[in-house]
Amino acid sequence: MPAFPLPQSAVDAGYRVLGFDSIGSTNAEAMEAVTRGDSGKVWYAALQQTEGRGRRGRVWESPYGNLAASLMIVPNADANALGSLGFVAGVALNAALQRILPSANLHTGLDGADAAPGESVKRIALKWPNDVLAEGQKLAGILLEALKRPDGRTAIVIGFGVNVVAAPEGLPYPAASLRQFGSSANAETVFEALAESWVEAYTLWNDGIGLPAILARWRDNAAGIGAEVAVQRNKDVLRGVFETIDDAGRLIVRDNEGHRTAITAGDVHFGTTATLRQ
């Protein structure tokens, strides 16, 4: 079995990890633990998953040597706050990748977003709501799932997939790996950085009390505010300008007439891709 080391801060906070060479789905493994009544704070990490899932039931491919990791937690938070854990995960992954690629000028932001005046386009960005991009190519993804425990409490499973050594091929969108950007880190190193960053971000979130601080950190590092955006929602496409992320974590789009729309879900395209008819 591969060794996925937990940093001391995670050990001190009561986290555990189970490592796998190959697995069907780390999220599925974590969900099974929920049905068994596991107390949570447990990571499932693998060098390969063969049945990975992304948003909206899409396949998340994971060639051998990449990182597939899922965290199962049972927060003592109001049910309305649980959805914001996606932003906690994004902040944590952003901080971890800053340590893996310290020269990359890492910012949370948008795929292909046009830079604001005086600002350069960021090399690495976290696209709303849950994709990490490297120069416009997908580098990592985050997936949240919720499940009731036998005692009635809600458990959250947060899945992280990071292209460490290779990007999957044959996808309908461009993808990249850390290796392509000069990183020699392996999946275990990326996991350790992520587990450490998670403890800090989750502590800041504080069962939802600290959500404003999490969103502020997201906004402070965001690139592309003011860029054109196109949001695919079922059969319609909303076009406008990405204005901000509101206090509920919704994407705010302003159209040409100045009307603002709050987006809770959709496929998002920024920059030059937002101007193309789909």
C-alpha atoms as a PDB file:
ATOM      1  CA  MET A   1       0.000   0.000   0.000  1.00  0.00           C
ATOM      2  CA  PRO A   2       1.261   3.532  -0.713  1.00  0.00           C
ATOM      3  CA  ALA A   3       2.090   5.710   2.270  1.00  0.00           C
ATOM      4  CA  PHE A   4      -0.100   8.809   2.407  1.00  0.00           C
ATOM      5  CA  PRO A   5       1.373  10.786   5.309  1.00  0.00           C
ATOM      6  CA  LEU A   6      -0.807  12.927   7.542  1.00  0.00           C
ATOM      7  CA  PRO A   7       0.829  16.152   8.752  1.00  0.00           C
ATOM      8  CA  GLN A   8       1.085  16.571  12.513  1.00  0.00           C
ATOM      9  CA  SER A   9      -1.618  19.242  12.507  1.00  0.00           C
ATOM     10  CA  ALA A  10      -4.081  16.744  11.012  1.00  0.00           C
ATOM     11  CA  VAL A  11      -3.065  14.016  13.470  1.00  0.00           C
ATOM     12  CA  ASP A  12      -3.508  16.424  16.360  1.00  0.00           C
ATOM     13  CA  ALA A  13      -6.967  17.349  15.046  1.00  0.00           C
ATOM     14  CA  GLY A  14      -8.023  13.682  15.029  1.00  0.00           C
ATOM     15  CA  TYR A  15      -7.864  12.882  11.320  1.00  0.00           C
ATOM     16  CA  ARG A  16      -7.109   9.403   9.955  1.00  0.00           C
ATOM     17  CA  VAL A  17      -6.122   8.161   6.502  1.00  0.00           C
ATOM     18  CA  LEU A  18      -6.582   4.909   4.604  1.00  0.00           C
ATOM     19  CA  GLY A  19      -4.361   4.554   1.534  1.00  0.00           C
ATOM     20  CA  PHE A  20      -4.924   2.460  -1.590  1.00  0.00           C
ATOM     21  CA  ASP A  21      -2.870   1.639  -4.641  1.00  0.00           C
ATOM     22  CA  SER A  22      -6.000   1.435  -6.803  1.00  0.00           C
ATOM     23  CA  ILE A  23      -9.681   1.723  -5.932  1.00  0.00           C
ATOM     24  CA  GLY A  24     -13.000   2.035  -7.691  1.00  0.00           C
ATOM     25  CA  SER A  25     -13.928   5.385  -6.146  1.00  0.00           C
ATOM     26  CA  THR A  26     -12.615   7.043  -3.003  1.00  0.00           C
ATOM     27  CA  ASN A  27     -15.939   8.873  -2.646  1.00  0.00           C
ATOM     28  CA  ALA A  28     -17.832   5.573  -2.814  1.00  0.00           C
ATOM     29  CA  GLU A  29     -15.523   4.099  -0.164  1.00  0.00           C
ATOM     30  CA  ALA A  30     -16.153   7.100   2.074  1.00  0.00           C
ATOM     31  CA  MET A  31     -19.921   6.874   1.549  1.00  0.00           C
ATOM     32  CA  GLU A  32     -19.855   3.229   2.611  1.00  0.00           C
ATOM     33  CA  ALA A  33     -18.136   4.315   5.820  1.00  0.00           C
ATOM     34  CA  VAL A  34     -21.026   6.703   6.451  1.00  0.00           C
ATOM     35  CA  THR A  35     -23.556   3.867   6.242  1.00  0.00           C
ATOM     36  CA  ARG A  36     -21.476   1.925   8.783  1.00  0.00           C
ATOM     37  CA  GLY A  37     -21.717   4.843  11.213  1.00  0.00           C
ATOM     38  CA  ASP A  38     -18.051   5.882  11.042  1.00  0.00           C
ATOM     39  CA  SER A  39     -17.407   8.938  13.211  1.00  0.00           C
ATOM     40  CA  GLY A  40     -15.726  10.853  10.377  1.00  0.00           C
ATOM     41  CA  LYS A  41     -12.511  12.826   9.999  1.00  0.00           C
ATOM     42  CA  VAL A  42     -11.164  10.075   7.771  1.00  0.00           C
ATOM     43  CA  TRP A  43      -9.377  10.411   4.426  1.00  0.00           C
ATOM     44  CA  TYR A  44      -9.434   7.792   1.677  1.00  0.00           C
ATOM     45  CA  ALA A  45      -6.529   8.337  -0.729  1.00  0.00           C
ATOM     46  CA  ALA A  46      -5.437   6.401  -3.810  1.00  0.00           C
ATOM     47  CA  LEU A  47      -2.928   6.526  -6.650  1.00  0.00           C
ATOM     48  CA  GLN A  48      -5.634   5.474  -9.078  1.00  0.00           C
ATOM     49  CA  GLN A  49      -9.394   5.195  -9.181  1.00  0.00           C
ATOM     50  CA  THR A  50     -11.188   3.272 -11.885  1.00  0.00           C
ATOM     51  CA  GLU A  51     -14.772   4.441 -11.295  1.00  0.00           C
ATOM     52  CA  GLY A  52     -14.315   8.073 -10.308  1.00  0.00           C
ATOM     53  CA  ARG A  53     -17.238  10.514 -10.484  1.00  0.00           C
ATOM     54  CA  GLY A  54     -17.389  14.213 -11.189  1.00  0.00           C
ATOM     55  CA  ARG A  55     -20.190  16.759 -11.065  1.00  0.00           C
ATOM     56  CA  ARG A  56     -23.581  15.771 -12.499  1.00  0.00           C
ATOM     57  CA  GLY A  57     -22.571  12.117 -12.752  1.00  0.00           C
ATOM     58  CA  ARG A  58     -19.698  12.736 -15.152  1.00  0.00           C
ATOM     59  CA  VAL A  59     -16.729  10.389 -15.210  1.00  0.00           C
ATOM     60  CA  TRP A  60     -13.538  11.606 -13.517  1.00  0.00           C
ATOM     61  CA  GLU A  61     -10.634   9.669 -15.008  1.00  0.00           C
ATOM     62  CA  SER A  62      -7.549   9.109 -12.871  1.00  0.00           C
ATOM     63  CA  PRO A  63      -4.455   7.601 -14.515  1.00  0.00           C
ATOM     64  CA  TYR A  64      -2.096   5.779 -12.170  1.00  0.00           C
ATOM     65  CA  GLY A  65       0.067   8.116 -10.091  1.00  0.00           C
ATOM     66  CA  ASN A  66      -2.501  10.891  -9.823  1.00  0.00           C
ATOM     67  CA  LEU A  67      -4.178  11.735  -6.530  1.00  0.00           C
ATOM     68  CA  ALA A  68      -7.730  10.669  -5.749  1.00  0.00           C
ATOM     69  CA  ALA A  69      -8.644  11.594  -2.182  1.00  0.00           C
ATOM     70  CA  SER A  70     -11.941  11.829  -0.332  1.00  0.00           C
ATOM     71  CA  LEU A  71     -12.546  13.221   3.127  1.00  0.00           C
ATOM     72  CA  MET A  72     -15.547  12.146   5.205  1.00  0.00           C
ATOM     73  CA  ILE A  73     -16.594  14.514   7.988  1.00  0.00           C
ATOM     74  CA  VAL A  74     -19.656  14.989  10.203  1.00  0.00           C
ATOM     75  CA  PRO A  75     -19.853  18.743  10.835  1.00  0.00           C
ATOM     76  CA  ASN A  76     -21.717  20.253  13.768  1.00  0.00           C
ATOM     77  CA  ALA A  77     -23.150  22.881  11.463  1.00  0.00           C
ATOM     78  CA  ASP A  78     -26.552  24.029  10.342  1.00  0.00           C
ATOM     79  CA  ALA A  79     -27.710  22.152   7.246  1.00  0.00           C
ATOM     80  CA  ASN A  80     -27.834  25.397   5.265  1.00  0.00           C
ATOM     81  CA  ALA A  81     -24.091  25.911   5.827  1.00  0.00           C
ATOM     82  CA  LEU A  82     -22.947  22.533   4.556  1.00  0.00           C
ATOM     83  CA  GLY A  83     -22.940  23.514   0.887  1.00  0.00           C
ATOM     84  CA  SER A  84     -20.307  26.156   1.602  1.00  0.00           C
ATOM     85  CA  LEU A  85     -17.783  23.401   2.345  1.00  0.00           C
ATOM     86  CA  GLY A  86     -17.012  23.456  -1.367  1.00  0.00           C
ATOM     87  CA  PHE A  87     -15.418  26.863  -0.855  1.00  0.00           C
ATOM     88  CA  VAL A  88     -13.495  25.545   2.148  1.00  0.00           C
ATOM     89  CA  ALA A  89     -12.199  22.740  -0.069  1.00  0.00           C
ATOM     90  CA  GLY A  90     -11.241  25.216  -2.766  1.00  0.00           C
ATOM     91  CA  VAL A  91      -9.363  27.447  -0.343  1.00  0.00           C
ATOM     92  CA  ALA A  92      -7.538  24.406   1.054  1.00  0.00           C
ATOM     93  CA  LEU A  93      -6.590  23.044  -2.364  1.00  0.00           C
ATOM     94  CA  ASN A  94      -5.438  26.493  -3.455  1.00  0.00           C
ATOM     95  CA  ALA A  95      -3.157  26.801  -0.428  1.00  0.00           C
ATOM     96  CA  ALA A  96      -1.774  23.287  -0.958  1.00  0.00           C
ATOM     97  CA  LEU A  97      -0.926  23.974  -4.584  1.00  0.00           C
ATOM     98  CA  GLN A  98       0.779  27.202  -3.593  1.00  0.00           C
ATOM     99  CA  ARG A  99       3.243  25.055  -1.675  1.00  0.00           C
ATOM    100  CA  ILE A 100       3.592  22.525  -4.496  1.00  0.00           C
ATOM    101  CA  LEU A 101       4.097  25.196  -7.168  1.00  0.00           C
ATOM    102  CA  PRO A 102       5.293  28.252  -5.236  1.00  0.00           C
ATOM    103  CA  SER A 103       6.465  30.047  -8.377  1.00  0.00           C
ATOM    104  CA  ALA A 104       3.143  29.699 -10.178  1.00  0.00           C
ATOM    105  CA  ASN A 105       1.534  32.909  -8.856  1.00  0.00           C
ATOM    106  CA  LEU A 106      -1.408  30.813  -7.719  1.00  0.00           C
ATOM    107  CA  HIS A 107      -4.784  32.515  -7.445  1.00  0.00           C
ATOM    108  CA  THR A 108      -8.358  31.346  -7.306  1.00  0.00           C
ATOM    109  CA  GLY A 109     -10.015  32.530 -10.459  1.00  0.00           C
ATOM    110  CA  LEU A 110     -11.560  31.666 -13.765  1.00  0.00           C
ATOM    111  CA  ASP A 111     -10.812  29.698 -16.910  1.00  0.00           C
ATOM    112  CA  GLY A 112      -9.456  31.957 -19.596  1.00  0.00           C
ATOM    113  CA  ALA A 113     -10.680  35.047 -17.768  1.00  0.00           C
ATOM    114  CA  ASP A 114      -9.507  38.300 -19.252  1.00  0.00           C
ATOM    115  CA  ALA A 115      -7.293  40.212 -16.877  1.00  0.00           C
ATOM    116  CA  ALA A 116      -8.463  43.407 -15.275  1.00  0.00           C
ATOM    117  CA  PRO A 117      -6.527  46.561 -16.233  1.00  0.00           C
ATOM    118  CA  GLY A 118      -2.988  46.284 -14.921  1.00  0.00           C
ATOM    119  CA  GLU A 119      -3.386  42.625 -13.937  1.00  0.00           C
ATOM    120  CA  SER A 120      -1.838  39.640 -15.687  1.00  0.00           C
ATOM    121  CA  VAL A 121      -3.768  36.460 -16.357  1.00  0.00           C
ATOM    122  CA  LYS A 122      -2.961  33.993 -13.591  1.00  0.00           C
ATOM    123  CA  ARG A 123      -1.158  30.788 -14.510  1.00  0.00           C
ATOM    124  CA  ILE A 124      -3.247  28.653 -12.139  1.00  0.00           C
ATOM    125  CA  ALA A 125      -6.852  29.383 -11.178  1.00  0.00           C
ATOM    126  CA  LEU A 126      -9.742  27.840  -9.282  1.00  0.00           C
ATOM    127  CA  LYS A 127     -12.797  28.063 -11.498  1.00  0.00           C
ATOM    128  CA  TRP A 128     -16.191  28.541  -9.869  1.00  0.00           C
ATOM    129  CA  PRO A 129     -17.490  26.418  -8.445  1.00  0.00           C
ATOM    130  CA  ASN A 130     -15.001  23.568  -8.115  1.00  0.00           C
ATOM    131  CA  ASP A 131     -12.358  23.149 -10.845  1.00  0.00           C
ATOM    132  CA  VAL A 132      -8.682  24.052 -10.654  1.00  0.00           C
ATOM    133  CA  LEU A 133      -7.185  25.112 -13.973  1.00  0.00           C
ATOM    134  CA  ALA A 134      -3.608  25.509 -15.120  1.00  0.00           C
ATOM    135  CA  GLU A 135      -3.318  27.976 -17.993  1.00  0.00           C
ATOM    136  CA  GLY A 136      -6.909  27.248 -18.942  1.00  0.00           C
ATOM    137  CA  GLN A 137      -6.570  23.452 -18.674  1.00  0.00           C
ATOM    138  CA  LYS A 138      -8.263  21.389 -15.979  1.00  0.00           C
ATOM    139  CA  LEU A 139      -5.799  20.352 -13.294  1.00  0.00           C
ATOM    140  CA  ALA A 140      -8.082  19.227 -10.468  1.00  0.00           C
ATOM    141  CA  GLY A 141     -11.700  18.882  -9.450  1.00  0.00           C
ATOM    142  CA  ILE A 142     -13.716  18.867  -6.236  1.00  0.00           C
ATOM    143  CA  LEU A 143     -16.963  16.983  -5.601  1.00  0.00           C
ATOM    144  CA  LEU A 144     -19.242  17.277  -2.550  1.00  0.00           C
ATOM    145  CA  GLU A 145     -21.757  14.595  -1.580  1.00  0.00           C
ATOM    146  CA  ALA A 146     -24.001  14.369   1.480  1.00  0.00           C
ATOM    147  CA  LEU A 147     -25.457  11.288   3.152  1.00  0.00           C
ATOM    148  CA  LYS A 148     -27.438  10.674   6.327  1.00  0.00           C
ATOM    149  CA  ARG A 149     -25.739   8.602   8.985  1.00  0.00           C
ATOM    150  CA  PRO A 150     -27.651   5.863  10.860  1.00  0.00           C
ATOM    151  CA  ASP A 151     -28.064   8.332  13.766  1.00  0.00           C
ATOM    152  CA  GLY A 152     -29.712  10.902  11.491  1.00  0.00           C
ATOM    153  CA  ARG A 153     -26.790  13.332  11.328  1.00  0.00           C
ATOM    154  CA  THR A 154     -25.520  14.460   7.939  1.00  0.00           C
ATOM    155  CA  ALA A 155     -22.085  13.365   6.790  1.00  0.00           C
ATOM    156  CA  ILE A 156     -20.252  15.186   4.004  1.00  0.00           C
ATOM    157  CA  VAL A 157     -17.845  13.499   1.616  1.00  0.00           C
ATOM    158  CA  ILE A 158     -15.472  15.836  -0.216  1.00  0.00           C
ATOM    159  CA  GLY A 159     -13.662  14.310  -3.168  1.00  0.00           C
ATOM    160  CA  PHE A 160     -10.452  15.785  -4.597  1.00  0.00           C
ATOM    161  CA  GLY A 161      -8.963  14.645  -7.869  1.00  0.00           C
ATOM    162  CA  VAL A 162      -5.581  16.099  -8.862  1.00  0.00           C
ATOM    163  CA  ASN A 163      -3.729  15.356 -12.110  1.00  0.00           C
ATOM    164  CA  VAL A 164      -0.280  14.852 -10.636  1.00  0.00           C
ATOM    165  CA  VAL A 165       1.697  12.873 -13.220  1.00  0.00           C
ATOM    166  CA  ALA A 166      -0.684  12.745 -16.182  1.00  0.00           C
ATOM    167  CA  ALA A 167      -3.885  14.242 -17.519  1.00  0.00           C
ATOM    168  CA  PRO A 168      -6.647  11.974 -18.839  1.00  0.00           C
ATOM    169  CA  GLU A 169      -7.056  11.897 -22.610  1.00  0.00           C
ATOM    170  CA  GLY A 170     -10.081  12.031 -24.847  1.00  0.00           C
ATOM    171  CA  LEU A 171     -11.945  14.590 -22.740  1.00  0.00           C
ATOM    172  CA  PRO A 172     -14.270  17.272 -24.173  1.00  0.00           C
ATOM    173  CA  TYR A 173     -12.083  19.911 -22.498  1.00  0.00           C
ATOM    174  CA  PRO A 174      -8.309  20.443 -22.227  1.00  0.00           C
ATOM    175  CA  ALA A 175      -6.601  18.956 -19.172  1.00  0.00           C
ATOM    176  CA  ALA A 176      -3.112  19.262 -17.675  1.00  0.00           C
ATOM    177  CA  SER A 177      -0.978  17.730 -14.935  1.00  0.00           C
ATOM    178  CA  LEU A 178       1.407  19.113 -12.331  1.00  0.00           C
ATOM    179  CA  ARG A 179       4.195  17.239 -14.092  1.00  0.00           C
ATOM    180  CA  GLN A 180       3.582  19.278 -17.232  1.00  0.00           C
ATOM    181  CA  PHE A 181       4.258  22.439 -15.234  1.00  0.00           C
ATOM    182  CA  GLY A 182       7.606  21.279 -13.924  1.00  0.00           C
ATOM    183  CA  SER A 183       6.560  19.781 -10.593  1.00  0.00           C
ATOM    184  CA  SER A 184       8.335  16.656  -9.344  1.00  0.00           C
ATOM    185  CA  ALA A 185       5.804  16.144  -6.537  1.00  0.00           C
ATOM    186  CA  ASN A 186       4.122  12.770  -6.265  1.00  0.00           C
ATOM    187  CA  ALA A 187       0.562  12.037  -5.138  1.00  0.00           C
ATOM    188  CA  GLU A 188       1.640  11.428  -1.545  1.00  0.00           C
ATOM    189  CA  THR A 189       3.310  14.854  -1.355  1.00  0.00           C
ATOM    190  CA  VAL A 190       0.244  16.563  -2.791  1.00  0.00           C
ATOM    191  CA  PHE A 191      -1.976  14.722  -0.320  1.00  0.00           C
ATOM    192  CA  GLU A 192       0.121  15.772   2.676  1.00  0.00           C
ATOM    193  CA  ALA A 193      -0.025  19.420   1.584  1.00  0.00           C
ATOM    194  CA  LEU A 194      -3.790  19.171   1.049  1.00  0.00           C
ATOM    195  CA  ALA A 195      -4.420  17.505   4.419  1.00  0.00           C
ATOM    196  CA  GLU A 196      -2.458  20.258   6.164  1.00  0.00           C
ATOM    197  CA  SER A 197      -4.227  23.065   4.312  1.00  0.00           C
ATOM    198  CA  TRP A 198      -7.598  21.456   4.996  1.00  0.00           C
ATOM    199  CA  VAL A 199      -7.105  21.633   8.771  1.00  0.00           C
ATOM    200  CA  GLU A 200      -6.390  25.352   8.580  1.00  0.00           C
ATOM    201  CA  ALA A 201      -9.285  26.157   6.230  1.00  0.00           C
ATOM    202  CA  TYR A 202     -11.801  23.983   8.105  1.00  0.00           C
ATOM    203  CA  THR A 203     -10.801  25.584  11.392  1.00  0.00           C
ATOM    204  CA  LEU A 204     -11.359  28.998   9.816  1.00  0.00           C
ATOM    205  CA  TRP A 205     -14.795  27.908   8.549  1.00  0.00           C
ATOM    206  CA  ASN A 206     -15.715  26.932  12.139  1.00  0.00           C
ATOM    207  CA  ASP A 207     -18.958  25.062  11.404  1.00  0.00           C
ATOM    208  CA  GLY A 208     -20.132  27.876   9.152  1.00  0.00           C
ATOM    209  CA  ILE A 209     -19.471  30.739  11.555  1.00  0.00           C
ATOM    210  CA  GLY A 210     -16.348  31.663   9.628  1.00  0.00           C
ATOM    211  CA  LEU A 211     -17.893  31.480   6.145  1.00  0.00           C
ATOM    212  CA  PRO A 212     -17.438  35.243   5.555  1.00  0.00           C
ATOM    213  CA  ALA A 213     -13.694  34.796   6.162  1.00  0.00           C
ATOM    214  CA  ILE A 214     -13.547  31.842   3.764  1.00  0.00           C
ATOM    215  CA  LEU A 215     -15.369  33.780   1.039  1.00  0.00           C
ATOM    216  CA  ALA A 216     -13.175  36.819   1.659  1.00  0.00           C
ATOM    217  CA  ARG A 217     -10.097  34.657   1.140  1.00  0.00           C
ATOM    218  CA  TRP A 218     -11.625  33.337  -2.071  1.00  0.00           C
ATOM    219  CA  ARG A 219     -12.376  36.836  -3.333  1.00  0.00           C
ATOM    220  CA  ASP A 220      -9.002  38.224  -2.253  1.00  0.00           C
ATOM    221  CA  ASN A 221      -7.289  35.656  -4.479  1.00  0.00           C
ATOM    222  CA  ALA A 222      -9.786  35.725  -7.334  1.00  0.00           C
ATOM    223  CA  ALA A 223      -8.752  36.595 -10.871  1.00  0.00           C
ATOM    224  CA  GLY A 224     -11.051  37.656 -13.676  1.00  0.00           C
ATOM    225  CA  ILE A 225     -13.617  39.710 -11.792  1.00  0.00           C
ATOM    226  CA  GLY A 226     -15.113  41.941 -14.447  1.00  0.00           C
ATOM    227  CA  ALA A 227     -14.567  39.373 -17.217  1.00  0.00           C
ATOM    228  CA  GLU A 228     -17.236  38.175 -19.635  1.00  0.00           C
ATOM    229  CA  VAL A 229     -18.963  34.980 -18.579  1.00  0.00           C
ATOM    230  CA  ALA A 230     -21.325  32.451 -20.135  1.00  0.00           C
ATOM    231  CA  VAL A 231     -23.254  30.086 -17.881  1.00  0.00           C
ATOM    232  CA  GLN A 232     -24.925  27.007 -19.348  1.00  0.00           C
ATOM    233  CA  ARG A 233     -28.051  26.224 -17.301  1.00  0.00           C
ATOM    234  CA  ASN A 234     -29.935  23.239 -18.671  1.00  0.00           C
ATOM    235  CA  LYS A 235     -30.931  24.426 -22.165  1.00  0.00           C
ATOM    236  CA  ASP A 236     -30.294  28.151 -21.829  1.00  0.00           C
ATOM    237  CA  VAL A 237     -27.094  30.198 -21.715  1.00  0.00           C
ATOM    238  CA  LEU A 238     -26.807  33.324 -19.584  1.00  0.00           C
ATOM    239  CA  ARG A 239     -24.182  35.812 -20.756  1.00  0.00           C
ATOM    240  CA  GLY A 240     -22.857  38.861 -18.994  1.00  0.00           C
ATOM    241  CA  VAL A 241     -20.045  39.983 -16.708  1.00  0.00           C
ATOM    242  CA  PHE A 242     -18.755  38.093 -13.688  1.00  0.00           C
ATOM    243  CA  GLU A 243     -19.298  40.673 -10.979  1.00  0.00           C
ATOM    244  CA  THR A 244     -18.545  38.868  -7.714  1.00  0.00           C
ATOM    245  CA  ILE A 245     -19.301  35.915  -5.472  1.00  0.00           C
ATOM    246  CA  ASP A 246     -22.016  36.923  -3.011  1.00  0.00           C
ATOM    247  CA  ASP A 247     -22.184  36.102   0.693  1.00  0.00           C
ATOM    248  CA  ALA A 248     -23.923  32.811  -0.097  1.00  0.00           C
ATOM    249  CA  GLY A 249     -21.190  31.787  -2.551  1.00  0.00           C
ATOM    250  CA  ARG A 250     -23.367  32.357  -5.619  1.00  0.00           C
ATOM    251  CA  LEU A 251     -21.883  33.600  -8.887  1.00  0.00           C
ATOM    252  CA  ILE A 252     -23.299  37.055  -9.675  1.00  0.00           C
ATOM    253  CA  VAL A 253     -23.678  37.839 -13.369  1.00  0.00           C
ATOM    254  CA  ARG A 254     -24.548  41.332 -14.650  1.00  0.00           C
ATOM    255  CA  ASP A 255     -26.067  41.513 -18.117  1.00  0.00           C
ATOM    256  CA  ASN A 256     -25.787  44.346 -20.631  1.00  0.00           C
ATOM    257  CA  GLU A 257     -28.853  46.063 -19.169  1.00  0.00           C
ATOM    258  CA  GLY A 258     -27.362  46.040 -15.698  1.00  0.00           C
ATOM    259  CA  HIS A 259     -29.611  43.299 -14.318  1.00  0.00           C
ATOM    260  CA  ARG A 260     -27.932  40.943 -11.867  1.00  0.00           C
ATOM    261  CA  THR A 261     -28.553  37.200 -11.668  1.00  0.00           C
ATOM    262  CA  ALA A 262     -27.371  34.921  -8.858  1.00  0.00           C
ATOM    263  CA  ILE A 263     -26.177  31.541 -10.156  1.00  0.00           C
ATOM    264  CA  THR A 264     -26.170  28.519  -7.862  1.00  0.00           C
ATOM    265  CA  ALA A 265     -25.276  25.856 -10.449  1.00  0.00           C
ATOM    266  CA  GLY A 266     -24.210  25.648 -14.068  1.00  0.00           C
ATOM    267  CA  ASP A 267     -21.330  25.086 -16.465  1.00  0.00           C
ATOM    268  CA  VAL A 268     -19.262  28.257 -16.511  1.00  0.00           C
ATOM    269  CA  HIS A 269     -17.039  29.667 -19.262  1.00  0.00           C
ATOM    270  CA  PHE A 270     -15.027  32.845 -18.895  1.00  0.00           C
ATOM    271  CA  GLY A 271     -12.997  35.151 -21.088  1.00  0.00           C
ATOM    272  CA  THR A 272     -12.934  34.578 -24.825  1.00  0.00           C
ATOM    273  CA  THR A 273     -14.941  31.329 -24.575  1.00  0.00           C
ATOM    274  CA  ALA A 274     -17.816  33.284 -23.046  1.00  0.00           C
ATOM    275  CA  THR A 275     -18.334  35.201 -26.277  1.00  0.00           C
ATOM    276  CA  LEU A 276     -18.787  32.080 -28.396  1.00  0.00           C
ATOM    277  CA  ARG A 277     -22.265  30.847 -29.252  1.00  0.00           C
ATOM    278  CA  GLN A 278     -22.808  27.340 -27.933  1.00  0.00           C
END
